Amino acid sequence: MRHLPTAGAPASWLDRDGLRAWFATEAERGITADARPSDDLVALVAGTRHLVVSPLARAQATARAVLERLAPDARPAVVTDDDLVEIPLPVLAVPGIRLPLDAWDAAARIAWLAGWSGGVEPRSEAFARVRRVAGRLAGLAATGTVAAVGHGFTNIALARELRRLGWSGPRLPDHRNGGTTTYRPPVTSPTPR
């Protein structure tokens, strides 16, 4: 699932300095004061054994908001996975241009996918990190249902990796804040004797 809406997300257009300022504080930001997990999201987590959460504040706050709505005996074990953080975006050094945050995000992600990391984590390292997360989720899934609270592009990369490992589910996860997508591990047949 993707975290609930990030507190303080800029609604106005940003120049590159405004974008740098946003990126510099985004990791520490929680969720908006009015953010509430949907009943479906709460029900989904209630049926899990483990809740794997990114260490970033908005993911941790999302997990707390969900867990607060569950009875203590219905709460899954919470595991913070340092590798589940968002895949960072480079700041495009384009002076004099102002864009909405979503437009900057899209342009920076395209540049990053094309191989320009601009000093942030390169693709090869980010995708290796996502493979580690997928492996740990698969290990936990062997013991019961798992839910994970992550971030937009990391969730996309994670969905791709889970499908590569034989899991079933849609090609792209729900990208909305608080959105959920289900992936199922491959069914293994019993070994014939």
N, C-alpha and C. Protein backbone atom coordinates (compact mmCIF):
# COMPACT_ATOMS: atom_id res chain seq x y z
N MET A 1 0.84 -1.18 0.00
CA MET A 1 0.00 0.00 0.00
C MET A 1 0.88 1.23 0.00
N ARG A 2 0.33 2.32 -0.48
CA ARG A 2 1.06 3.58 -0.45
C ARG A 2 0.62 4.34 0.80
N HIS A 3 1.54 5.08 1.36
CA HIS A 3 1.27 5.89 2.55
C HIS A 3 0.13 6.87 2.31
N LEU A 4 -0.45 7.38 3.37
CA LEU A 4 -1.49 8.41 3.30
C LEU A 4 -0.85 9.73 2.85
N PRO A 5 -1.65 10.76 2.52
CA PRO A 5 -1.08 12.00 1.98
C PRO A 5 -0.03 12.65 2.89
N THR A 6 1.03 13.12 2.26
CA THR A 6 2.15 13.73 2.97
C THR A 6 1.79 15.13 3.45
N ALA A 7 2.11 15.42 4.69
CA ALA A 7 1.85 16.75 5.26
C ALA A 7 2.70 17.80 4.56
N GLY A 8 2.10 18.94 4.30
CA GLY A 8 2.82 20.08 3.77
C GLY A 8 3.21 19.99 2.31
N ALA A 9 2.62 19.06 1.55
CA ALA A 9 2.95 18.97 0.13
C ALA A 9 2.59 20.28 -0.56
N PRO A 10 3.51 20.85 -1.31
CA PRO A 10 3.25 22.16 -1.92
C PRO A 10 2.14 22.08 -2.96
N ALA A 11 1.21 23.00 -2.87
CA ALA A 11 0.12 23.07 -3.84
C ALA A 11 0.47 24.06 -4.94
N SER A 12 1.45 24.92 -4.67
CA SER A 12 1.82 25.94 -5.65
C SER A 12 2.93 25.42 -6.56
N TRP A 13 3.23 26.17 -7.58
CA TRP A 13 4.30 25.81 -8.50
C TRP A 13 5.63 26.13 -7.83
N LEU A 14 6.64 25.33 -8.16
CA LEU A 14 7.95 25.45 -7.52
C LEU A 14 9.03 25.71 -8.56
N ASP A 15 10.01 26.53 -8.17
CA ASP A 15 11.22 26.61 -8.98
C ASP A 15 12.19 25.56 -8.45
N ARG A 16 13.38 25.47 -9.03
CA ARG A 16 14.29 24.40 -8.61
C ARG A 16 14.70 24.54 -7.14
N ASP A 17 14.80 25.78 -6.63
CA ASP A 17 15.17 25.96 -5.22
C ASP A 17 14.04 25.50 -4.30
N GLY A 18 12.79 25.78 -4.71
CA GLY A 18 11.64 25.30 -3.94
C GLY A 18 11.57 23.79 -3.95
N LEU A 19 11.93 23.19 -5.09
CA LEU A 19 11.94 21.73 -5.19
C LEU A 19 13.03 21.15 -4.28
N ARG A 20 14.21 21.75 -4.29
CA ARG A 20 15.29 21.30 -3.40
C ARG A 20 14.84 21.38 -1.93
N ALA A 21 14.19 22.48 -1.59
CA ALA A 21 13.72 22.65 -0.20
C ALA A 21 12.69 21.58 0.15
N TRP A 22 11.80 21.26 -0.78
CA TRP A 22 10.80 20.22 -0.53
C TRP A 22 11.48 18.87 -0.34
N PHE A 23 12.37 18.49 -1.24
CA PHE A 23 13.06 17.21 -1.13
C PHE A 23 13.87 17.11 0.16
N ALA A 24 14.41 18.24 0.61
CA ALA A 24 15.25 18.24 1.83
C ALA A 24 14.44 17.92 3.08
N THR A 25 13.14 18.19 3.07
CA THR A 25 12.32 17.97 4.26
C THR A 25 11.28 16.86 4.10
N GLU A 26 11.11 16.36 2.89
CA GLU A 26 10.03 15.39 2.63
C GLU A 26 10.14 14.13 3.49
N ALA A 27 11.35 13.61 3.67
CA ALA A 27 11.53 12.36 4.42
C ALA A 27 11.05 12.46 5.86
N GLU A 28 11.12 13.67 6.43
CA GLU A 28 10.73 13.85 7.84
C GLU A 28 9.26 14.19 8.01
N ARG A 29 8.55 14.40 6.93
CA ARG A 29 7.16 14.82 7.03
C ARG A 29 6.24 13.64 7.28
N GLY A 30 5.27 13.84 8.16
CA GLY A 30 4.27 12.82 8.43
C GLY A 30 3.14 12.92 7.43
N ILE A 31 1.93 12.62 7.89
CA ILE A 31 0.76 12.66 7.02
C ILE A 31 -0.10 13.87 7.40
N THR A 32 -0.99 14.26 6.51
CA THR A 32 -1.85 15.41 6.77
C THR A 32 -2.73 15.14 7.99
N ALA A 33 -3.10 16.19 8.68
CA ALA A 33 -3.88 16.06 9.92
C ALA A 33 -5.23 15.39 9.68
N ASP A 34 -5.79 15.55 8.49
CA ASP A 34 -7.11 14.97 8.21
C ASP A 34 -7.04 13.60 7.53
N ALA A 35 -5.84 13.06 7.36
CA ALA A 35 -5.68 11.75 6.69
C ALA A 35 -6.22 10.64 7.58
N ARG A 36 -7.07 9.82 7.01
CA ARG A 36 -7.64 8.68 7.72
C ARG A 36 -7.58 7.46 6.82
N PRO A 37 -7.13 6.32 7.33
CA PRO A 37 -7.13 5.11 6.49
C PRO A 37 -8.56 4.66 6.23
N SER A 38 -8.79 4.15 5.03
CA SER A 38 -10.13 3.69 4.67
C SER A 38 -10.46 2.42 5.46
N ASP A 39 -11.75 2.12 5.56
CA ASP A 39 -12.18 0.89 6.22
C ASP A 39 -11.59 -0.34 5.53
N ASP A 40 -11.51 -0.29 4.20
CA ASP A 40 -10.94 -1.41 3.45
C ASP A 40 -9.46 -1.61 3.80
N LEU A 41 -8.73 -0.51 3.94
CA LEU A 41 -7.32 -0.60 4.30
C LEU A 41 -7.15 -1.20 5.69
N VAL A 42 -7.97 -0.75 6.62
CA VAL A 42 -7.90 -1.28 7.99
C VAL A 42 -8.24 -2.77 8.00
N ALA A 43 -9.27 -3.16 7.26
CA ALA A 43 -9.66 -4.58 7.20
C ALA A 43 -8.55 -5.42 6.58
N LEU A 44 -7.90 -4.90 5.57
CA LEU A 44 -6.81 -5.62 4.94
C LEU A 44 -5.68 -5.89 5.93
N VAL A 45 -5.30 -4.88 6.68
CA VAL A 45 -4.20 -5.03 7.64
C VAL A 45 -4.61 -5.94 8.80
N ALA A 46 -5.89 -5.89 9.17
CA ALA A 46 -6.37 -6.74 10.27
C ALA A 46 -6.17 -8.22 9.98
N GLY A 47 -6.15 -8.58 8.72
CA GLY A 47 -6.01 -9.98 8.37
C GLY A 47 -4.59 -10.42 8.09
N THR A 48 -3.61 -9.61 8.48
CA THR A 48 -2.22 -9.95 8.18
C THR A 48 -1.46 -10.39 9.42
N ARG A 49 -0.38 -11.08 9.19
CA ARG A 49 0.50 -11.49 10.27
C ARG A 49 1.61 -10.46 10.50
N HIS A 50 2.08 -9.85 9.40
CA HIS A 50 3.16 -8.86 9.50
C HIS A 50 2.79 -7.60 8.73
N LEU A 51 3.15 -6.46 9.27
CA LEU A 51 3.02 -5.17 8.59
C LEU A 51 4.43 -4.62 8.44
N VAL A 52 4.92 -4.61 7.21
CA VAL A 52 6.27 -4.13 6.91
C VAL A 52 6.15 -2.66 6.52
N VAL A 53 6.96 -1.80 7.15
CA VAL A 53 6.80 -0.36 7.00
C VAL A 53 8.13 0.31 6.68
N SER A 54 8.09 1.25 5.75
CA SER A 54 9.25 2.10 5.47
C SER A 54 9.56 2.90 6.73
N PRO A 55 10.82 3.26 6.95
CA PRO A 55 11.16 4.07 8.12
C PRO A 55 10.81 5.55 7.97
N LEU A 56 10.41 5.98 6.77
CA LEU A 56 10.11 7.40 6.57
C LEU A 56 8.84 7.79 7.34
N ALA A 57 8.83 9.03 7.81
CA ALA A 57 7.78 9.49 8.73
C ALA A 57 6.37 9.28 8.19
N ARG A 58 6.14 9.56 6.90
CA ARG A 58 4.77 9.43 6.37
C ARG A 58 4.30 7.98 6.34
N ALA A 59 5.20 7.04 6.13
CA ALA A 59 4.83 5.62 6.16
C ALA A 59 4.60 5.16 7.59
N GLN A 60 5.47 5.58 8.51
CA GLN A 60 5.30 5.23 9.92
C GLN A 60 3.98 5.79 10.46
N ALA A 61 3.66 7.04 10.08
CA ALA A 61 2.40 7.66 10.54
C ALA A 61 1.20 6.93 9.95
N THR A 62 1.31 6.49 8.72
CA THR A 62 0.23 5.72 8.10
C THR A 62 0.00 4.41 8.87
N ALA A 63 1.09 3.71 9.17
CA ALA A 63 0.98 2.46 9.92
C ALA A 63 0.32 2.70 11.28
N ARG A 64 0.75 3.76 11.97
CA ARG A 64 0.14 4.07 13.28
C ARG A 64 -1.35 4.36 13.13
N ALA A 65 -1.74 5.11 12.11
CA ALA A 65 -3.15 5.44 11.90
C ALA A 65 -3.98 4.19 11.66
N VAL A 66 -3.42 3.23 10.94
CA VAL A 66 -4.14 1.98 10.70
C VAL A 66 -4.21 1.16 11.98
N LEU A 67 -3.08 1.01 12.66
CA LEU A 67 -3.03 0.17 13.87
C LEU A 67 -3.92 0.72 14.98
N GLU A 68 -4.05 2.04 15.07
CA GLU A 68 -4.91 2.65 16.09
C GLU A 68 -6.37 2.24 15.92
N ARG A 69 -6.75 1.88 14.72
CA ARG A 69 -8.14 1.48 14.45
C ARG A 69 -8.38 -0.01 14.67
N LEU A 70 -7.33 -0.74 15.01
CA LEU A 70 -7.47 -2.18 15.24
C LEU A 70 -7.44 -2.49 16.73
N ALA A 71 -8.19 -3.50 17.11
CA ALA A 71 -8.11 -3.99 18.49
C ALA A 71 -6.69 -4.52 18.71
N PRO A 72 -6.17 -4.40 19.93
CA PRO A 72 -4.79 -4.86 20.18
C PRO A 72 -4.53 -6.29 19.73
N ASP A 73 -5.50 -7.18 19.89
CA ASP A 73 -5.26 -8.58 19.49
C ASP A 73 -5.38 -8.80 17.98
N ALA A 74 -5.79 -7.79 17.23
CA ALA A 74 -5.89 -7.90 15.77
C ALA A 74 -4.72 -7.23 15.07
N ARG A 75 -3.80 -6.68 15.84
CA ARG A 75 -2.67 -5.96 15.24
C ARG A 75 -1.57 -6.93 14.82
N PRO A 76 -1.08 -6.77 13.58
CA PRO A 76 0.02 -7.62 13.13
C PRO A 76 1.34 -7.17 13.75
N ALA A 77 2.33 -8.02 13.66
CA ALA A 77 3.69 -7.64 14.07
C ALA A 77 4.19 -6.60 13.08
N VAL A 78 4.78 -5.52 13.58
CA VAL A 78 5.28 -4.45 12.73
C VAL A 78 6.78 -4.62 12.54
N VAL A 79 7.20 -4.57 11.28
CA VAL A 79 8.60 -4.70 10.92
C VAL A 79 8.98 -3.45 10.12
N THR A 80 9.95 -2.69 10.60
CA THR A 80 10.44 -1.55 9.83
C THR A 80 11.57 -2.04 8.93
N ASP A 81 11.42 -1.78 7.63
CA ASP A 81 12.42 -2.22 6.65
C ASP A 81 13.08 -0.98 6.05
N ASP A 82 14.34 -0.78 6.40
CA ASP A 82 15.07 0.41 5.94
C ASP A 82 15.21 0.47 4.43
N ASP A 83 15.10 -0.65 3.74
CA ASP A 83 15.21 -0.66 2.28
C ASP A 83 13.91 -0.27 1.58
N LEU A 84 12.82 -0.12 2.32
CA LEU A 84 11.52 0.19 1.71
C LEU A 84 11.32 1.69 1.50
N VAL A 85 12.33 2.50 1.74
CA VAL A 85 12.21 3.94 1.53
C VAL A 85 11.95 4.25 0.05
N GLU A 86 11.46 5.46 -0.20
CA GLU A 86 11.20 5.90 -1.57
C GLU A 86 12.50 5.93 -2.36
N ILE A 87 12.42 5.57 -3.62
CA ILE A 87 13.56 5.73 -4.52
C ILE A 87 13.69 7.23 -4.77
N PRO A 88 14.85 7.81 -4.42
CA PRO A 88 14.96 9.27 -4.48
C PRO A 88 14.96 9.83 -5.90
N LEU A 89 14.60 11.08 -5.98
CA LEU A 89 14.57 11.79 -7.25
C LEU A 89 15.70 12.82 -7.29
N PRO A 90 16.36 12.95 -8.43
CA PRO A 90 17.34 14.02 -8.57
C PRO A 90 16.61 15.36 -8.78
N VAL A 91 17.28 16.44 -8.43
CA VAL A 91 16.73 17.77 -8.71
C VAL A 91 17.27 18.21 -10.05
N LEU A 92 16.38 18.46 -10.97
CA LEU A 92 16.79 18.94 -12.29
C LEU A 92 17.20 20.40 -12.16
N ALA A 93 18.42 20.71 -12.51
CA ALA A 93 18.95 22.07 -12.36
C ALA A 93 18.54 22.91 -13.57
N VAL A 94 17.27 23.27 -13.62
CA VAL A 94 16.75 24.07 -14.72
C VAL A 94 16.32 25.42 -14.15
N PRO A 95 17.18 26.43 -14.29
CA PRO A 95 16.84 27.73 -13.71
C PRO A 95 15.69 28.40 -14.46
N GLY A 96 14.93 29.18 -13.71
CA GLY A 96 13.88 29.99 -14.31
C GLY A 96 12.60 29.27 -14.65
N ILE A 97 12.51 28.00 -14.36
CA ILE A 97 11.27 27.25 -14.66
C ILE A 97 10.54 26.95 -13.37
N ARG A 98 9.23 27.14 -13.40
CA ARG A 98 8.37 26.80 -12.26
C ARG A 98 7.36 25.76 -12.75
N LEU A 99 7.23 24.69 -11.97
CA LEU A 99 6.31 23.61 -12.32
C LEU A 99 5.60 23.13 -11.07
N PRO A 100 4.43 22.48 -11.24
CA PRO A 100 3.80 21.81 -10.10
C PRO A 100 4.69 20.65 -9.65
N LEU A 101 4.58 20.25 -8.39
CA LEU A 101 5.39 19.17 -7.86
C LEU A 101 5.27 17.90 -8.70
N ASP A 102 4.06 17.54 -9.11
CA ASP A 102 3.88 16.32 -9.91
C ASP A 102 4.64 16.39 -11.23
N ALA A 103 4.71 17.56 -11.84
CA ALA A 103 5.45 17.71 -13.11
C ALA A 103 6.95 17.56 -12.87
N TRP A 104 7.46 18.17 -11.80
CA TRP A 104 8.88 17.99 -11.46
C TRP A 104 9.17 16.52 -11.19
N ASP A 105 8.29 15.88 -10.43
CA ASP A 105 8.46 14.45 -10.13
C ASP A 105 8.56 13.63 -11.41
N ALA A 106 7.64 13.87 -12.34
CA ALA A 106 7.62 13.10 -13.59
C ALA A 106 8.89 13.34 -14.40
N ALA A 107 9.29 14.60 -14.54
CA ALA A 107 10.50 14.92 -15.31
C ALA A 107 11.75 14.31 -14.67
N ALA A 108 11.84 14.41 -13.35
CA ALA A 108 13.01 13.86 -12.65
C ALA A 108 13.02 12.34 -12.72
N ARG A 109 11.85 11.70 -12.63
CA ARG A 109 11.81 10.24 -12.70
C ARG A 109 12.21 9.76 -14.09
N ILE A 110 11.78 10.46 -15.12
CA ILE A 110 12.17 10.09 -16.49
C ILE A 110 13.68 10.22 -16.64
N ALA A 111 14.26 11.31 -16.16
CA ALA A 111 15.71 11.49 -16.24
C ALA A 111 16.43 10.38 -15.46
N TRP A 112 15.91 10.05 -14.28
CA TRP A 112 16.52 9.01 -13.46
C TRP A 112 16.43 7.65 -14.15
N LEU A 113 15.28 7.33 -14.71
CA LEU A 113 15.11 6.06 -15.42
C LEU A 113 16.01 5.98 -16.66
N ALA A 114 16.30 7.14 -17.25
CA ALA A 114 17.18 7.18 -18.42
C ALA A 114 18.66 7.04 -18.02
N GLY A 115 18.93 7.02 -16.71
CA GLY A 115 20.29 6.78 -16.26
C GLY A 115 20.99 7.94 -15.58
N TRP A 116 20.34 9.11 -15.49
CA TRP A 116 20.95 10.25 -14.83
C TRP A 116 20.47 10.30 -13.39
N SER A 117 21.38 10.08 -12.44
CA SER A 117 20.97 10.05 -11.04
C SER A 117 21.14 11.40 -10.35
N GLY A 118 21.91 12.29 -10.92
CA GLY A 118 22.06 13.62 -10.33
C GLY A 118 22.54 13.60 -8.90
N GLY A 119 23.32 12.59 -8.53
CA GLY A 119 23.87 12.52 -7.18
C GLY A 119 23.02 11.74 -6.18
N VAL A 120 21.85 11.26 -6.59
CA VAL A 120 21.05 10.42 -5.69
C VAL A 120 21.31 8.95 -6.03
N GLU A 121 20.70 8.06 -5.29
CA GLU A 121 20.88 6.63 -5.48
C GLU A 121 20.64 6.25 -6.95
N PRO A 122 21.63 5.62 -7.60
CA PRO A 122 21.43 5.22 -9.00
C PRO A 122 20.47 4.04 -9.14
N ARG A 123 19.99 3.86 -10.36
CA ARG A 123 19.01 2.80 -10.65
C ARG A 123 19.48 1.44 -10.17
N SER A 124 20.71 1.07 -10.47
CA SER A 124 21.18 -0.28 -10.12
C SER A 124 21.10 -0.52 -8.62
N GLU A 125 21.47 0.47 -7.83
CA GLU A 125 21.41 0.32 -6.37
C GLU A 125 19.97 0.31 -5.87
N ALA A 126 19.14 1.17 -6.45
CA ALA A 126 17.73 1.22 -6.02
C ALA A 126 17.03 -0.10 -6.33
N PHE A 127 17.25 -0.64 -7.52
CA PHE A 127 16.58 -1.89 -7.88
C PHE A 127 17.14 -3.07 -7.09
N ALA A 128 18.43 -3.02 -6.73
CA ALA A 128 18.99 -4.07 -5.86
C ALA A 128 18.33 -4.01 -4.48
N ARG A 129 18.10 -2.80 -4.00
CA ARG A 129 17.43 -2.61 -2.70
C ARG A 129 16.01 -3.17 -2.76
N VAL A 130 15.30 -2.89 -3.84
CA VAL A 130 13.93 -3.39 -4.00
C VAL A 130 13.93 -4.92 -4.06
N ARG A 131 14.93 -5.52 -4.71
CA ARG A 131 15.01 -6.98 -4.74
C ARG A 131 15.18 -7.55 -3.33
N ARG A 132 15.95 -6.86 -2.48
CA ARG A 132 16.11 -7.32 -1.09
C ARG A 132 14.77 -7.26 -0.35
N VAL A 133 14.02 -6.18 -0.55
CA VAL A 133 12.70 -6.06 0.08
C VAL A 133 11.80 -7.19 -0.38
N ALA A 134 11.77 -7.45 -1.68
CA ALA A 134 10.92 -8.52 -2.22
C ALA A 134 11.29 -9.86 -1.60
N GLY A 135 12.57 -10.11 -1.45
CA GLY A 135 13.00 -11.37 -0.83
C GLY A 135 12.54 -11.48 0.61
N ARG A 136 12.64 -10.38 1.35
CA ARG A 136 12.18 -10.42 2.75
C ARG A 136 10.66 -10.57 2.83
N LEU A 137 9.92 -9.89 1.94
CA LEU A 137 8.46 -10.05 1.93
C LEU A 137 8.09 -11.50 1.62
N ALA A 138 8.79 -12.10 0.67
CA ALA A 138 8.52 -13.49 0.32
C ALA A 138 8.78 -14.40 1.53
N GLY A 139 9.86 -14.13 2.26
CA GLY A 139 10.15 -14.93 3.45
C GLY A 139 9.06 -14.80 4.51
N LEU A 140 8.60 -13.57 4.73
CA LEU A 140 7.52 -13.36 5.70
C LEU A 140 6.22 -13.99 5.22
N ALA A 141 5.96 -13.91 3.92
CA ALA A 141 4.72 -14.46 3.37
C ALA A 141 4.65 -15.97 3.54
N ALA A 142 5.80 -16.61 3.69
CA ALA A 142 5.80 -18.06 3.92
C ALA A 142 5.21 -18.40 5.28
N THR A 143 5.12 -17.40 6.19
CA THR A 143 4.57 -17.64 7.52
C THR A 143 3.16 -17.08 7.69
N GLY A 144 2.65 -16.38 6.69
CA GLY A 144 1.32 -15.79 6.78
C GLY A 144 1.22 -14.56 5.90
N THR A 145 0.05 -13.95 5.88
CA THR A 145 -0.20 -12.79 5.04
C THR A 145 0.61 -11.60 5.52
N VAL A 146 1.13 -10.83 4.56
CA VAL A 146 1.97 -9.67 4.84
C VAL A 146 1.37 -8.45 4.15
N ALA A 147 1.41 -7.31 4.82
CA ALA A 147 1.08 -6.03 4.19
C ALA A 147 2.31 -5.14 4.33
N ALA A 148 2.47 -4.23 3.37
CA ALA A 148 3.63 -3.33 3.41
C ALA A 148 3.17 -1.90 3.15
N VAL A 149 3.73 -0.95 3.90
CA VAL A 149 3.47 0.47 3.69
C VAL A 149 4.72 1.08 3.09
N GLY A 150 4.62 1.45 1.82
CA GLY A 150 5.76 2.00 1.11
C GLY A 150 5.42 3.31 0.42
N HIS A 151 6.12 3.54 -0.68
CA HIS A 151 6.05 4.82 -1.39
C HIS A 151 5.82 4.56 -2.87
N GLY A 152 5.31 5.58 -3.54
CA GLY A 152 4.87 5.47 -4.93
C GLY A 152 5.77 4.68 -5.86
N PHE A 153 6.93 5.23 -6.21
CA PHE A 153 7.76 4.56 -7.20
C PHE A 153 8.40 3.29 -6.64
N THR A 154 8.71 3.27 -5.38
CA THR A 154 9.25 2.05 -4.77
C THR A 154 8.22 0.94 -4.88
N ASN A 155 6.95 1.24 -4.65
CA ASN A 155 5.91 0.22 -4.78
C ASN A 155 5.81 -0.29 -6.22
N ILE A 156 5.99 0.59 -7.20
CA ILE A 156 5.95 0.16 -8.60
C ILE A 156 7.10 -0.82 -8.86
N ALA A 157 8.29 -0.46 -8.41
CA ALA A 157 9.45 -1.33 -8.61
C ALA A 157 9.28 -2.65 -7.84
N LEU A 158 8.69 -2.57 -6.66
CA LEU A 158 8.46 -3.77 -5.86
C LEU A 158 7.44 -4.69 -6.53
N ALA A 159 6.39 -4.12 -7.09
CA ALA A 159 5.39 -4.92 -7.81
C ALA A 159 6.06 -5.64 -8.98
N ARG A 160 6.91 -4.94 -9.69
CA ARG A 160 7.63 -5.54 -10.81
C ARG A 160 8.49 -6.72 -10.34
N GLU A 161 9.18 -6.53 -9.23
CA GLU A 161 10.06 -7.58 -8.71
C GLU A 161 9.25 -8.78 -8.21
N LEU A 162 8.15 -8.53 -7.50
CA LEU A 162 7.32 -9.64 -7.02
C LEU A 162 6.78 -10.45 -8.19
N ARG A 163 6.33 -9.77 -9.24
CA ARG A 163 5.82 -10.48 -10.42
C ARG A 163 6.94 -11.27 -11.09
N ARG A 164 8.16 -10.72 -11.09
CA ARG A 164 9.30 -11.44 -11.66
C ARG A 164 9.57 -12.73 -10.87
N LEU A 165 9.27 -12.69 -9.57
CA LEU A 165 9.46 -13.86 -8.70
C LEU A 165 8.29 -14.84 -8.78
N GLY A 166 7.31 -14.56 -9.63
CA GLY A 166 6.19 -15.48 -9.82
C GLY A 166 4.93 -15.11 -9.07
N TRP A 167 4.93 -14.00 -8.35
CA TRP A 167 3.73 -13.57 -7.65
C TRP A 167 2.71 -13.10 -8.68
N SER A 168 1.43 -13.23 -8.34
CA SER A 168 0.37 -12.75 -9.24
C SER A 168 -0.19 -11.45 -8.68
N GLY A 169 -0.55 -10.57 -9.59
CA GLY A 169 -1.10 -9.27 -9.23
C GLY A 169 -0.96 -8.34 -10.41
N PRO A 170 -1.55 -7.18 -10.32
CA PRO A 170 -1.50 -6.25 -11.46
C PRO A 170 -0.08 -5.75 -11.74
N ARG A 171 0.14 -5.36 -12.98
CA ARG A 171 1.45 -4.84 -13.39
C ARG A 171 1.82 -3.60 -12.59
N LEU A 172 0.85 -2.73 -12.37
CA LEU A 172 1.10 -1.50 -11.60
C LEU A 172 0.24 -1.47 -10.35
N PRO A 173 0.82 -1.11 -9.21
CA PRO A 173 0.02 -1.01 -7.98
C PRO A 173 -0.80 0.28 -7.98
N ASP A 174 -1.78 0.33 -7.11
CA ASP A 174 -2.58 1.54 -6.91
C ASP A 174 -1.64 2.65 -6.44
N HIS A 175 -1.60 3.75 -7.15
CA HIS A 175 -0.66 4.82 -6.82
C HIS A 175 -1.26 5.89 -5.90
N ARG A 176 -2.53 5.77 -5.60
CA ARG A 176 -3.16 6.79 -4.75
C ARG A 176 -2.67 6.66 -3.31
N ASN A 177 -2.64 7.79 -2.61
CA ASN A 177 -2.28 7.75 -1.20
C ASN A 177 -3.30 6.91 -0.46
N GLY A 178 -2.82 5.93 0.31
CA GLY A 178 -3.70 5.01 1.02
C GLY A 178 -4.23 3.90 0.14
N GLY A 179 -3.82 3.88 -1.12
CA GLY A 179 -4.28 2.86 -2.05
C GLY A 179 -3.60 1.52 -1.80
N THR A 180 -4.33 0.45 -2.02
CA THR A 180 -3.80 -0.90 -1.79
C THR A 180 -3.88 -1.73 -3.07
N THR A 181 -2.97 -2.65 -3.18
CA THR A 181 -2.95 -3.61 -4.28
C THR A 181 -2.51 -4.94 -3.69
N THR A 182 -3.14 -6.01 -4.12
CA THR A 182 -2.82 -7.33 -3.58
C THR A 182 -1.98 -8.13 -4.58
N TYR A 183 -0.92 -8.71 -4.06
CA TYR A 183 -0.08 -9.64 -4.81
C TYR A 183 -0.06 -10.95 -4.04
N ARG A 184 -0.15 -12.05 -4.78
CA ARG A 184 -0.18 -13.36 -4.15
C ARG A 184 1.07 -14.15 -4.55
N PRO A 185 1.69 -14.81 -3.54
CA PRO A 185 2.88 -15.59 -3.87
C PRO A 185 2.53 -16.78 -4.77
N PRO A 186 3.52 -17.29 -5.47
CA PRO A 186 3.24 -18.44 -6.34
C PRO A 186 2.76 -19.63 -5.52
N VAL A 187 1.85 -20.36 -6.10
CA VAL A 187 1.34 -21.57 -5.46
C VAL A 187 2.32 -22.69 -5.77
N THR A 188 2.77 -23.32 -4.73
CA THR A 188 3.69 -24.44 -4.95
C THR A 188 2.90 -25.74 -4.78
N SER A 189 3.10 -26.63 -5.71
CA SER A 189 2.42 -27.93 -5.61
C SER A 189 3.22 -28.85 -4.69
N PRO A 190 2.50 -29.71 -4.01
CA PRO A 190 3.23 -30.67 -3.18
C PRO A 190 4.11 -31.55 -4.06
N THR A 191 5.25 -31.89 -3.54
CA THR A 191 6.16 -32.76 -4.27
C THR A 191 5.59 -34.18 -4.31
N PRO A 192 5.45 -34.76 -5.54
CA PRO A 192 4.92 -36.12 -5.60
C PRO A 192 5.90 -37.12 -5.00
N ARG A 193 5.37 -38.13 -4.40
CA ARG A 193 6.22 -39.15 -3.76
C ARG A 193 6.37 -40.33 -4.66
